[in-house]
Protein backbone atom coordinates (compact mmCIF):
# COMPACT_ATOMS: atom_id res chain seq x y z
CA MET A 1 89.55 67.53 111.61
CA THR A 2 92.58 66.14 113.25
CA VAL A 3 91.80 65.75 116.65
CA ARG A 4 95.03 64.52 118.94
CA VAL A 5 94.24 61.30 121.21
CA MET A 6 96.35 60.84 124.38
CA LEU A 7 96.10 57.14 125.08
CA PRO A 8 96.88 55.40 128.28
CA ALA A 9 100.42 53.08 128.07
CA HIS A 10 98.93 49.82 127.78
CA LEU A 11 96.56 50.89 124.70
CA ARG A 12 99.67 52.34 122.92
CA VAL A 13 101.40 48.80 123.10
CA LEU A 14 98.14 47.58 122.02
CA ALA A 15 97.70 49.85 119.18
CA ARG A 16 101.77 49.98 118.60
CA VAL A 17 101.93 53.36 118.90
CA GLN A 18 103.93 55.86 120.95
CA GLY A 19 103.30 59.65 122.55
CA GLU A 20 99.87 60.79 121.02
CA VAL A 21 97.75 59.67 117.94
CA LYS A 22 95.99 61.93 115.41
CA VAL A 23 93.23 60.88 113.75
CA GLU A 24 90.79 62.63 111.25
CA VAL A 25 87.40 63.23 112.29
CA ASP A 26 84.47 64.36 109.56
CA GLY A 27 81.83 66.37 110.81
CA ALA A 28 80.66 66.95 114.58
CA VAL A 29 83.86 65.88 116.87
CA THR A 30 82.31 64.21 119.57
CA GLN A 31 83.45 61.47 121.23
CA ARG A 32 81.90 58.91 119.51
CA THR A 33 83.23 60.31 116.19
CA VAL A 34 86.52 60.63 117.34
CA LEU A 35 86.32 56.96 119.31
CA ASN A 36 85.15 55.79 115.46
CA ALA A 37 87.63 57.17 113.88
CA LEU A 38 90.39 56.01 116.86
CA GLU A 39 88.85 52.53 116.14
CA ALA A 40 88.83 52.77 112.17
CA ALA A 41 92.69 53.93 112.61
CA TYR A 42 93.69 51.10 115.32
CA PRO A 43 91.15 48.32 114.90
CA MET A 44 93.17 46.32 117.50
CA LEU A 45 91.71 48.97 120.03
CA SER A 46 87.87 48.08 119.16
CA GLY A 47 85.89 46.63 122.52
CA THR A 48 89.08 47.82 124.81
CA ILE A 49 87.52 51.88 125.01
CA ARG A 50 84.35 51.02 124.44
CA ASP A 51 81.90 47.82 124.57
CA HIS A 52 81.85 45.64 120.99
CA THR A 53 78.08 45.67 121.54
CA THR A 54 76.60 48.50 123.14
CA GLN A 55 79.43 51.05 122.30
CA GLN A 56 79.08 52.11 126.14
CA ARG A 57 82.49 53.39 127.30
CA ARG A 58 83.92 50.80 130.07
CA ALA A 59 83.72 51.39 133.51
CA PHE A 60 87.58 51.99 134.33
CA MET A 61 87.68 53.81 131.31
CA ARG A 62 87.84 57.68 131.12
CA LEU A 63 87.55 60.65 129.35
CA PHE A 64 89.48 63.77 129.99
CA ALA A 65 89.99 66.92 128.13
CA CYS A 66 90.64 70.76 128.49
CA GLU A 67 91.40 69.44 132.49
CA SER A 68 87.75 68.62 132.66
CA ASP A 69 86.35 64.78 133.11
CA LEU A 70 83.92 64.42 130.20
CA SER A 71 83.34 60.38 130.86
CA HIS A 72 79.85 61.20 131.83
CA GLU A 73 78.57 63.32 129.17
CA SER A 74 76.48 61.91 126.46
CA PRO A 75 79.13 60.52 123.89
CA ASP A 76 77.62 62.62 121.35
CA THR A 77 77.77 66.34 122.44
CA LEU A 78 80.84 68.22 120.62
CA LEU A 79 83.92 67.84 122.47
CA PRO A 80 85.42 71.20 123.88
CA LEU A 81 86.42 73.19 120.83
CA GLU A 82 89.96 73.35 121.27
CA VAL A 83 89.89 69.44 121.18
CA ALA A 84 88.19 69.94 117.83
CA GLU A 85 90.71 71.96 116.61
CA GLY A 86 93.62 70.03 117.62
CA LYS A 87 95.05 72.48 120.03
CA GLU A 88 94.47 70.21 123.06
CA PRO A 89 94.06 66.28 123.46
CA LEU A 90 91.33 64.02 124.28
CA LEU A 91 92.62 62.03 127.27
CA VAL A 92 91.88 58.74 127.62
CA ILE A 93 92.58 57.66 130.68
CA GLY A 94 92.51 53.90 132.68
CA ALA A 95 90.74 54.51 136.05
CA ILE A 96 92.87 53.14 139.12
CA ALA A 97 90.88 51.23 141.84
CA GLY A 98 91.60 49.49 144.83
CA GLY A 99 91.33 49.68 148.68
C-alpha cells in the first residue's frame, strides 16, 4: 500500500524532498511499518523520528492522522483506514516547547 507522509520542514530539508512523501508498506499499516518504510527510503531520517536503539518515538516528535493524535498509540496499532488507503497523510510534527 502507498502511504502518504508529511514531514516537518527540517526533516524535508534533511531528506531533500518537498511536500509530502509516499512510501510503500507491505502488510499491516502501522506507525512501525510506515516509519520502517520511511527510513528505508530516506536513510538520513533514521534516528530523527525514533531513537536508533530503542525505536521509541522521540519525545518532541508527534504523529497525527485524521485529526487525531496517534503519538501515544502502540507503534503496532493499525493506522486509520484513510491513511492506509492513501486518502489522508500521516503527519509527523515536531513539537514546540518553551515557556
